[in-house]
C-alpha atoms as a PDB file:
ATOM      1  CA  MET A   1     -34.819 -37.485 106.163  1.00  0.00           C
ATOM      2  CA  LEU A   2     -31.831 -36.539 104.063  1.00  0.00           C
ATOM      3  CA  LYS A   3     -33.199 -39.364 101.520  1.00  0.00           C
ATOM      4  CA  ARG A   4     -36.469 -37.733 101.611  1.00  0.00           C
ATOM      5  CA  THR A   5     -34.955 -34.397 100.725  1.00  0.00           C
ATOM      6  CA  LEU A   6     -32.738 -35.723  98.070  1.00  0.00           C
ATOM      7  CA  VAL A   7     -35.839 -37.096  96.467  1.00  0.00           C
ATOM      8  CA  LEU A   8     -37.871 -34.226  96.901  1.00  0.00           C
ATOM      9  CA  CYS A   9     -35.212 -31.685  95.329  1.00  0.00           C
ATOM     10  CA  PHE A  10     -34.827 -34.385  92.549  1.00  0.00           C
ATOM     11  CA  THR A  11     -38.540 -34.448  92.004  1.00  0.00           C
ATOM     12  CA  MET A  12     -38.810 -30.232  91.893  1.00  0.00           C
ATOM     13  CA  ILE A  13     -35.691 -30.507  89.563  1.00  0.00           C
ATOM     14  CA  LEU A  14     -37.285 -32.936  87.125  1.00  0.00           C
ATOM     15  CA  ILE A  15     -40.702 -30.811  87.213  1.00  0.00           C
ATOM     16  CA  LEU A  16     -38.925 -27.709  86.241  1.00  0.00           C
ATOM     17  CA  ILE A  17     -37.165 -29.476  83.290  1.00  0.00           C
ATOM     18  CA  MET A  18     -40.431 -30.773  82.239  1.00  0.00           C
ATOM     19  CA  ILE A  19     -41.866 -27.326  82.381  1.00  0.00           C
ATOM     20  CA  SER A  20     -38.886 -25.836  80.422  1.00  0.00           C
ATOM     21  CA  ALA A  21     -39.455 -28.281  77.882  1.00  0.00           C
ATOM     22  CA  VAL A  22     -42.960 -27.895  77.271  1.00  0.00           C
ATOM     23  CA  SER A  23     -42.371 -24.228  77.071  1.00  0.00           C
ATOM     24  CA  VAL A  24     -39.869 -24.517  74.377  1.00  0.00           C
ATOM     25  CA  ILE A  25     -42.113 -26.811  72.413  1.00  0.00           C
ATOM     26  CA  ILE A  26     -45.235 -24.236  72.995  1.00  0.00           C
ATOM     27  CA  ALA A  27     -42.573 -21.299  71.682  1.00  0.00           C
ATOM     28  CA  ARG A  28     -41.614 -23.155  68.738  1.00  0.00           C
ATOM     29  CA  GLN A  29     -45.480 -23.984  67.725  1.00  0.00           C
ATOM     30  CA  LYS A  30     -46.052 -20.224  67.814  1.00  0.00           C
ATOM     31  CA  VAL A  31     -43.586 -19.386  65.480  1.00  0.00           C
ATOM     32  CA  ILE A  32     -44.019 -19.277  61.656  1.00  0.00           C
ATOM     33  CA  ARG A  33     -41.167 -19.397  59.440  1.00  0.00           C
ATOM     34  CA  VAL A  34     -41.691 -17.191  56.373  1.00  0.00           C
ATOM     35  CA  GLY A  35     -39.866 -17.491  52.987  1.00  0.00           C
ATOM     36  CA  VAL A  36     -39.971 -14.609  50.611  1.00  0.00           C
ATOM     37  CA  ASP A  37     -37.981 -13.484  47.791  1.00  0.00           C
ATOM     38  CA  GLY A  38     -37.146 -10.017  49.247  1.00  0.00           C
ATOM     39  CA  PHE A  39     -36.486  -8.392  45.670  1.00  0.00           C
ATOM     40  CA  SER A  40     -39.881  -8.487  44.286  1.00  0.00           C
ATOM     41  CA  ALA A  41     -40.924  -4.889  44.836  1.00  0.00           C
ATOM     42  CA  PRO A  42     -43.935  -4.114  45.941  1.00  0.00           C
ATOM     43  CA  PHE A  43     -44.608  -7.478  47.639  1.00  0.00           C
ATOM     44  CA  SER A  44     -41.108  -7.886  49.340  1.00  0.00           C
ATOM     45  CA  ILE A  45     -38.426  -5.555  49.208  1.00  0.00           C
ATOM     46  CA  THR A  46     -34.931  -5.597  51.290  1.00  0.00           C
ATOM     47  CA  ASN A  47     -33.379  -2.102  51.835  1.00  0.00           C
ATOM     48  CA  SER A  48     -29.386  -1.836  52.332  1.00  0.00           C
ATOM     49  CA  PHE A  49     -29.516  -2.762  55.893  1.00  0.00           C
ATOM     50  CA  GLY A  50     -31.707  -5.938  55.205  1.00  0.00           C
ATOM     51  CA  ASP A  51     -34.738  -4.849  56.477  1.00  0.00           C
ATOM     52  CA  LEU A  52     -37.911  -6.418  54.713  1.00  0.00           C
ATOM     53  CA  SER A  53     -41.087  -4.251  53.723  1.00  0.00           C
ATOM     54  CA  GLY A  54     -43.641  -4.909  51.312  1.00  0.00           C
ATOM     55  CA  TYR A  55     -47.287  -6.036  50.604  1.00  0.00           C
ATOM     56  CA  ASP A  56     -46.691  -9.488  51.235  1.00  0.00           C
ATOM     57  CA  VAL A  57     -44.547  -8.616  54.486  1.00  0.00           C
ATOM     58  CA  ASP A  58     -47.598  -6.455  56.196  1.00  0.00           C
ATOM     59  CA  ILE A  59     -50.024  -9.346  55.132  1.00  0.00           C
ATOM     60  CA  ILE A  60     -48.107 -12.358  56.959  1.00  0.00           C
ATOM     61  CA  LYS A  61     -47.498  -9.686  60.001  1.00  0.00           C
ATOM     62  CA  ALA A  62     -51.150  -8.976  60.387  1.00  0.00           C
ATOM     63  CA  ILE A  63     -52.049 -12.483  60.235  1.00  0.00           C
ATOM     64  CA  ALA A  64     -49.485 -13.623  62.850  1.00  0.00           C
ATOM     65  CA  LYS A  65     -50.506 -10.445  65.001  1.00  0.00           C
ATOM     66  CA  LYS A  66     -54.098 -11.779  64.937  1.00  0.00           C
ATOM     67  CA  LEU A  67     -53.056 -15.356  65.700  1.00  0.00           C
ATOM     68  CA  ASP A  68     -50.590 -14.448  68.163  1.00  0.00           C
ATOM     69  CA  TYR A  69     -47.831 -16.145  66.295  1.00  0.00           C
ATOM     70  CA  LYS A  70     -43.837 -14.860  66.003  1.00  0.00           C
ATOM     71  CA  ILE A  71     -42.356 -14.438  62.505  1.00  0.00           C
ATOM     72  CA  GLU A  72     -39.063 -15.565  61.506  1.00  0.00           C
ATOM     73  CA  PHE A  73     -38.326 -14.345  57.966  1.00  0.00           C
ATOM     74  CA  LYS A  74     -36.203 -16.079  55.609  1.00  0.00           C
ATOM     75  CA  ILE A  75     -34.844 -14.270  52.332  1.00  0.00           C
ATOM     76  CA  ILE A  76     -34.511 -17.145  49.568  1.00  0.00           C
ATOM     77  CA  ALA A  77     -34.040 -16.748  45.928  1.00  0.00           C
ATOM     78  CA  PHE A  78     -37.233 -16.989  43.915  1.00  0.00           C
ATOM     79  CA  THR A  79     -36.274 -20.185  42.165  1.00  0.00           C
ATOM     80  CA  GLY A  80     -35.493 -21.924  45.630  1.00  0.00           C
ATOM     81  CA  LEU A  81     -38.908 -21.006  47.445  1.00  0.00           C
ATOM     82  CA  GLU A  82     -40.677 -24.160  46.504  1.00  0.00           C
ATOM     83  CA  ASN A  83     -37.645 -26.425  47.406  1.00  0.00           C
ATOM     84  CA  ASN A  84     -37.239 -24.683  50.808  1.00  0.00           C
ATOM     85  CA  LEU A  85     -41.148 -25.226  51.433  1.00  0.00           C
ATOM     86  CA  ASN A  86     -41.036 -28.984  50.361  1.00  0.00           C
ATOM     87  CA  ASN A  87     -37.998 -29.458  52.510  1.00  0.00           C
ATOM     88  CA  ARG A  88     -39.546 -27.889  55.575  1.00  0.00           C
ATOM     89  CA  LEU A  89     -37.020 -25.479  55.845  1.00  0.00           C
ATOM     90  CA  VAL A  90     -40.069 -22.648  56.084  1.00  0.00           C
ATOM     91  CA  ASP A  91     -43.703 -23.176  56.933  1.00  0.00           C
ATOM     92  CA  VAL A  92     -45.097 -20.381  54.517  1.00  0.00           C
ATOM     93  CA  VAL A  93     -44.208 -18.752  51.177  1.00  0.00           C
ATOM     94  CA  LEU A  94     -45.319 -15.684  50.021  1.00  0.00           C
ATOM     95  CA  ALA A  95     -44.189 -14.654  46.528  1.00  0.00           C
ATOM     96  CA  PRO A  96     -45.816 -13.016  43.438  1.00  0.00           C
ATOM     97  CA  MET A  97     -46.465 -16.316  41.740  1.00  0.00           C
ATOM     98  CA  ASP A  98     -49.766 -17.272  40.160  1.00  0.00           C
ATOM     99  CA  SER A  99     -51.128 -20.403  42.167  1.00  0.00           C
ATOM    100  CA  ASN A 100     -53.435 -21.413  39.546  1.00  0.00           C
ATOM    101  CA  THR A 101     -50.826 -22.077  36.921  1.00  0.00           C
ATOM    102  CA  PRO A 102     -49.787 -26.049  36.609  1.00  0.00           C
ATOM    103  CA  GLU A 103     -46.016 -25.226  37.467  1.00  0.00           C
ATOM    104  CA  ASN A 104     -47.150 -23.876  40.531  1.00  0.00           C
ATOM    105  CA  GLN A 105     -49.231 -26.723  41.639  1.00  0.00           C
ATOM    106  CA  SER A 106     -47.616 -29.632  43.733  1.00  0.00           C
ATOM    107  CA  ARG A 107     -48.882 -32.385  45.571  1.00  0.00           C
ATOM    108  CA  ASN A 108     -46.850 -31.448  48.565  1.00  0.00           C
ATOM    109  CA  ILE A 109     -48.157 -27.492  48.679  1.00  0.00           C
ATOM    110  CA  ILE A 110     -51.479 -25.934  49.865  1.00  0.00           C
ATOM    111  CA  TYR A 111     -52.649 -22.641  49.341  1.00  0.00           C
ATOM    112  CA  SER A 112     -54.743 -20.566  51.163  1.00  0.00           C
ATOM    113  CA  LYS A 113     -57.498 -17.727  50.241  1.00  0.00           C
ATOM    114  CA  PRO A 114     -56.168 -15.299  47.885  1.00  0.00           C
ATOM    115  CA  TYR A 115     -54.755 -12.240  49.168  1.00  0.00           C
ATOM    116  CA  PHE A 116     -54.099 -10.315  45.774  1.00  0.00           C
ATOM    117  CA  PHE A 117     -55.455 -10.338  42.303  1.00  0.00           C
ATOM    118  CA  ASN A 118     -52.944  -9.117  39.538  1.00  0.00           C
ATOM    119  CA  TYR A 119     -53.671  -8.205  35.764  1.00  0.00           C
ATOM    120  CA  LEU A 120     -52.699  -5.925  33.094  1.00  0.00           C
ATOM    121  CA  THR A 121     -53.513  -2.161  33.133  1.00  0.00           C
ATOM    122  CA  MET A 122     -52.743   0.598  30.901  1.00  0.00           C
ATOM    123  CA  MET A 123     -51.366   3.809  32.729  1.00  0.00           C
ATOM    124  CA  LYS A 124     -51.499   7.348  31.077  1.00  0.00           C
ATOM    125  CA  ILE A 125     -51.499  10.870  31.870  1.00  0.00           C
ATOM    126  CA  LYS A 126     -54.917  12.142  33.291  1.00  0.00           C
ATOM    127  CA  GLY A 127     -56.853  14.343  30.512  1.00  0.00           C
ATOM    128  CA  LYS A 128     -54.882  12.536  27.720  1.00  0.00           C
ATOM    129  CA  GLU A 129     -57.091  10.990  25.243  1.00  0.00           C
ATOM    130  CA  ILE A 130     -56.269   7.482  23.889  1.00  0.00           C
ATOM    131  CA  LYS A 131     -58.455   6.168  21.281  1.00  0.00           C
ATOM    132  CA  LEU A 132     -59.178   2.292  20.758  1.00  0.00           C
ATOM    133  CA  ASN A 133     -60.731   0.890  17.782  1.00  0.00           C
ATOM    134  CA  ALA A 134     -63.503  -1.448  17.460  1.00  0.00           C
ATOM    135  CA  GLU A 135     -61.247  -4.353  18.047  1.00  0.00           C
ATOM    136  CA  GLY A 136     -59.766  -2.825  21.261  1.00  0.00           C
ATOM    137  CA  ASP A 137     -56.400  -1.862  19.448  1.00  0.00           C
ATOM    138  CA  PHE A 138     -54.938   1.325  19.847  1.00  0.00           C
ATOM    139  CA  GLU A 139     -54.848   3.922  16.896  1.00  0.00           C
ATOM    140  CA  LYS A 140     -52.147   3.341  14.273  1.00  0.00           C
ATOM    141  CA  ASN A 141     -48.595   4.634  15.467  1.00  0.00           C
ATOM    142  CA  SER A 142     -49.784   4.802  19.340  1.00  0.00           C
ATOM    143  CA  MET A 143     -46.504   4.864  20.996  1.00  0.00           C
ATOM    144  CA  LEU A 144     -46.519   2.293  23.895  1.00  0.00           C
ATOM    145  CA  CYS A 145     -43.811   2.216  26.772  1.00  0.00           C
ATOM    146  CA  ILE A 146     -43.110  -1.434  27.990  1.00  0.00           C
ATOM    147  CA  PRO A 147     -41.209  -2.928  30.898  1.00  0.00           C
ATOM    148  CA  ASN A 148     -39.076  -5.807  29.407  1.00  0.00           C
ATOM    149  CA  LYS A 149     -41.231  -8.585  30.603  1.00  0.00           C
ATOM    150  CA  PRO A 150     -41.730 -11.323  28.220  1.00  0.00           C
ATOM    151  CA  PHE A 151     -45.312 -12.092  29.119  1.00  0.00           C
ATOM    152  CA  ILE A 152     -46.294  -8.503  28.726  1.00  0.00           C
ATOM    153  CA  LEU A 153     -44.159  -7.921  25.274  1.00  0.00           C
ATOM    154  CA  ASN A 154     -46.221 -11.153  23.873  1.00  0.00           C
ATOM    155  CA  PHE A 155     -49.541  -9.963  24.864  1.00  0.00           C
ATOM    156  CA  VAL A 156     -48.896  -6.629  23.203  1.00  0.00           C
ATOM    157  CA  ARG A 157     -47.234  -8.089  20.204  1.00  0.00           C
ATOM    158  CA  THR A 158     -50.250 -10.254  19.497  1.00  0.00           C
ATOM    159  CA  HIS A 159     -53.003  -7.354  20.480  1.00  0.00           C
ATOM    160  CA  TYR A 160     -51.620  -4.392  19.592  1.00  0.00           C
ATOM    161  CA  ILE A 161     -50.324  -4.712  15.942  1.00  0.00           C
ATOM    162  CA  ASN A 162     -50.546  -1.179  14.890  1.00  0.00           C
ATOM    163  CA  THR A 163     -48.385   0.498  17.821  1.00  0.00           C
ATOM    164  CA  ILE A 164     -44.759   1.509  18.145  1.00  0.00           C
ATOM    165  CA  LEU A 165     -43.404  -0.140  21.182  1.00  0.00           C
ATOM    166  CA  LYS A 166     -40.584   1.229  23.253  1.00  0.00           C
ATOM    167  CA  ILE A 167     -38.994  -1.151  25.578  1.00  0.00           C
ATOM    168  CA  TYR A 168     -37.475  -0.369  28.926  1.00  0.00           C
ATOM    169  CA  ASN A 169     -35.444  -2.356  31.313  1.00  0.00           C
ATOM    170  CA  GLY A 170     -37.696  -1.665  34.360  1.00  0.00           C
ATOM    171  CA  SER A 171     -41.068  -0.343  35.029  1.00  0.00           C
ATOM    172  CA  ASN A 172     -39.674   2.803  36.589  1.00  0.00           C
ATOM    173  CA  LEU A 173     -38.049   3.633  33.523  1.00  0.00           C
ATOM    174  CA  ALA A 174     -41.033   3.310  31.456  1.00  0.00           C
ATOM    175  CA  ILE A 175     -43.022   5.788  33.857  1.00  0.00           C
ATOM    176  CA  ASP A 176     -40.413   8.247  33.259  1.00  0.00           C
ATOM    177  CA  ALA A 177     -40.869   7.995  29.444  1.00  0.00           C
ATOM    178  CA  LEU A 178     -44.354   8.334  29.856  1.00  0.00           C
ATOM    179  CA  TYR A 179     -43.757  11.999  31.749  1.00  0.00           C
ATOM    180  CA  GLU A 180     -41.239  13.092  29.075  1.00  0.00           C
ATOM    181  CA  ASN A 181     -43.680  12.365  26.171  1.00  0.00           C
ATOM    182  CA  GLU A 182     -41.986   9.375  25.012  1.00  0.00           C
ATOM    183  CA  CYS A 183     -44.941   7.484  24.389  1.00  0.00           C
ATOM    184  CA  ASP A 184     -48.813   7.666  25.135  1.00  0.00           C
ATOM    185  CA  VAL A 185     -49.532   4.799  27.553  1.00  0.00           C
ATOM    186  CA  ILE A 186     -47.672   2.150  29.386  1.00  0.00           C
ATOM    187  CA  ILE A 187     -49.087  -1.322  29.746  1.00  0.00           C
ATOM    188  CA  ASP A 188     -47.779  -3.135  32.904  1.00  0.00           C
ATOM    189  CA  THR A 189     -49.161  -5.357  35.909  1.00  0.00           C
ATOM    190  CA  LYS A 190     -51.589  -3.677  38.464  1.00  0.00           C
ATOM    191  CA  SER A 191     -48.927  -4.195  41.017  1.00  0.00           C
ATOM    192  CA  SER A 192     -46.248  -2.483  39.176  1.00  0.00           C
ATOM    193  CA  ASN A 193     -48.401   0.682  37.916  1.00  0.00           C
ATOM    194  CA  GLU A 194     -50.089   1.209  41.006  1.00  0.00           C
ATOM    195  CA  TYR A 195     -46.779   0.766  43.165  1.00  0.00           C
ATOM    196  CA  TYR A 196     -44.789   3.155  41.511  1.00  0.00           C
ATOM    197  CA  ARG A 197     -47.762   5.769  41.060  1.00  0.00           C
ATOM    198  CA  THR A 198     -48.183   5.388  44.686  1.00  0.00           C
ATOM    199  CA  LYS A 199     -44.252   5.393  45.519  1.00  0.00           C
ATOM    200  CA  HIS A 200     -43.654   8.655  43.947  1.00  0.00           C
ATOM    201  CA  ASN A 201     -47.060  10.208  44.545  1.00  0.00           C
ATOM    202  CA  LEU A 202     -47.733  10.593  40.791  1.00  0.00           C
ATOM    203  CA  ASN A 203     -51.116  12.013  40.894  1.00  0.00           C
ATOM    204  CA  LYS A 204     -51.425  13.385  37.079  1.00  0.00           C
ATOM    205  CA  LEU A 205     -51.688   9.273  36.101  1.00  0.00           C
ATOM    206  CA  GLU A 206     -54.641   7.191  35.884  1.00  0.00           C
ATOM    207  CA  ILE A 207     -54.810   3.434  35.410  1.00  0.00           C
ATOM    208  CA  LYS A 208     -57.268   1.451  33.692  1.00  0.00           C
ATOM    209  CA  PRO A 209     -57.375  -2.562  33.338  1.00  0.00           C
ATOM    210  CA  ILE A 210     -56.960  -4.187  30.356  1.00  0.00           C
ATOM    211  CA  TYR A 211     -60.014  -6.802  29.508  1.00  0.00           C
ATOM    212  CA  SER A 212     -59.207  -9.889  27.466  1.00  0.00           C
ATOM    213  CA  ASP A 213     -59.796 -13.382  28.000  1.00  0.00           C
ATOM    214  CA  ASP A 214     -56.074 -14.485  27.322  1.00  0.00           C
ATOM    215  CA  ALA A 215     -54.401 -11.397  29.268  1.00  0.00           C
ATOM    216  CA  TYR A 216     -52.307 -11.683  32.391  1.00  0.00           C
ATOM    217  CA  ASN A 217     -54.506 -12.658  35.242  1.00  0.00           C
ATOM    218  CA  HIS A 218     -52.878 -13.943  38.422  1.00  0.00           C
ATOM    219  CA  THR A 219     -54.062 -14.760  41.587  1.00  0.00           C
ATOM    220  CA  TYR A 220     -51.843 -14.686  44.579  1.00  0.00           C
ATOM    221  CA  LYS A 221     -51.979 -17.005  47.658  1.00  0.00           C
ATOM    222  CA  ILE A 222     -50.096 -18.095  50.487  1.00  0.00           C
ATOM    223  CA  ALA A 223     -48.309 -21.313  50.148  1.00  0.00           C
ATOM    224  CA  MET A 224     -48.125 -23.841  52.903  1.00  0.00           C
ATOM    225  CA  SER A 225     -46.794 -27.391  53.215  1.00  0.00           C
ATOM    226  CA  ILE A 226     -49.387 -30.168  53.012  1.00  0.00           C
ATOM    227  CA  HIS A 227     -47.785 -31.627  56.192  1.00  0.00           C
ATOM    228  CA  ARG A 228     -49.177 -28.523  58.181  1.00  0.00           C
ATOM    229  CA  PRO A 229     -52.835 -28.728  57.980  1.00  0.00           C
ATOM    230  CA  ASP A 230     -53.149 -27.101  61.327  1.00  0.00           C
ATOM    231  CA  LEU A 231     -51.516 -23.956  59.901  1.00  0.00           C
ATOM    232  CA  PHE A 232     -53.367 -24.036  56.759  1.00  0.00           C
ATOM    233  CA  GLU A 233     -56.619 -23.654  58.889  1.00  0.00           C
ATOM    234  CA  GLN A 234     -55.055 -21.083  61.100  1.00  0.00           C
ATOM    235  CA  ILE A 235     -53.664 -18.709  58.227  1.00  0.00           C
ATOM    236  CA  ASN A 236     -57.043 -18.850  56.258  1.00  0.00           C
ATOM    237  CA  LYS A 237     -58.812 -17.923  59.685  1.00  0.00           C
ATOM    238  CA  GLY A 238     -56.235 -14.751  59.813  1.00  0.00           C
ATOM    239  CA  LEU A 239     -56.850 -13.821  56.404  1.00  0.00           C
ATOM    240  CA  GLU A 240     -60.399 -13.819  56.514  1.00  0.00           C
ATOM    241  CA  HIS A 241     -60.128 -11.776  59.809  1.00  0.00           C
ATOM    242  CA  LEU A 242     -58.019  -9.134  57.615  1.00  0.00           C
ATOM    243  CA  ILE A 243     -60.974  -9.194  54.813  1.00  0.00           C
ATOM    244  CA  GLN A 244     -64.056  -9.007  57.363  1.00  0.00           C
ATOM    245  CA  THR A 245     -62.476  -6.242  59.188  1.00  0.00           C
ATOM    246  CA  GLY A 246     -61.057  -4.466  56.614  1.00  0.00           C
ATOM    247  CA  GLU A 247     -57.342  -4.403  57.298  1.00  0.00           C
ATOM    248  CA  ILE A 248     -56.223  -5.921  54.238  1.00  0.00           C
ATOM    249  CA  ASN A 249     -57.727  -2.928  52.582  1.00  0.00           C
ATOM    250  CA  LYS A 250     -55.547  -0.843  54.533  1.00  0.00           C
ATOM    251  CA  ILE A 251     -52.495  -2.511  53.596  1.00  0.00           C
ATOM    252  CA  HIS A 252     -53.608  -2.667  49.884  1.00  0.00           C
ATOM    253  CA  GLN A 253     -54.052   1.384  50.272  1.00  0.00           C
ATOM    254  CA  LYS A 254     -50.823   1.667  51.535  1.00  0.00           C
ATOM    255  CA  TRP A 255     -48.950  -0.077  48.769  1.00  0.00           C
ATOM    256  CA  PHE A 256     -51.304   0.451  45.885  1.00  0.00           C
ATOM    257  CA  SER A 257     -53.767   3.325  46.714  1.00  0.00           C
ATOM    258  CA  SER A 258     -56.399   1.255  45.418  1.00  0.00           C
ATOM    259  CA  ASP A 259     -58.944  -0.990  47.470  1.00  0.00           C
ATOM    260  CA  TYR A 260     -58.555  -4.707  47.633  1.00  0.00           C
ATOM    261  CA  CYS A 261     -61.187  -6.361  45.976  1.00  0.00           C
ATOM    262  CA  LYS A 262     -62.588 -10.209  45.772  1.00  0.00           C
ATOM    263  CA  GLN A 263     -62.622 -11.470  42.155  1.00  0.00           C
END
């Protein structure tokens, strides 16, 4: 009788251990480790308390909610994001990097559907007339405010040769200069111009895209390890849900005051 009781107790303990182990495995499977830079407004922003916010943060949270996943965010220096993904220290990476450029292509990384399209824009005071000639150049001696971003400077110096450039250490400083009539127009990315206009409720400003074959045109996608094809399928499923239901548009409106649109 005692022997039977001991066997029964041992069996029950073994079953409980197995159930606990399975529960732990399932719990681990339902967690997405997300790598973000944390200092790339408006995509991922870290406040003084270490709290994360941003367009990328809201996108992955909405996807995780749809898929019933939990998220563990890891703030990683921008230059270290790819290594962390390749070394399987994170499951996915969201950052403002063009997934189509050769330097961002890797045999170990796969990308989701696009979740953001970035390109060059011009921003000016509403009602102020800005004239362009037949070649698409500004009038001679037009004053352009430019944030100190090499790719923008290269584009402007190549295409707008008759203009006067004023270079600022930050998009927000360029906007201040525009409001103080130190220049006629700002040339910056869609993400920066729309974000700062939204953040500071600058309703007097209007933004227009710059059309050029060699302009800055970047497509942002969620990066994942090639070793997680299951996650790739799920992330795309969740992202498509956001697009179809219009939830991605609400997130886009929150950060940029404009509609998300496929290209």
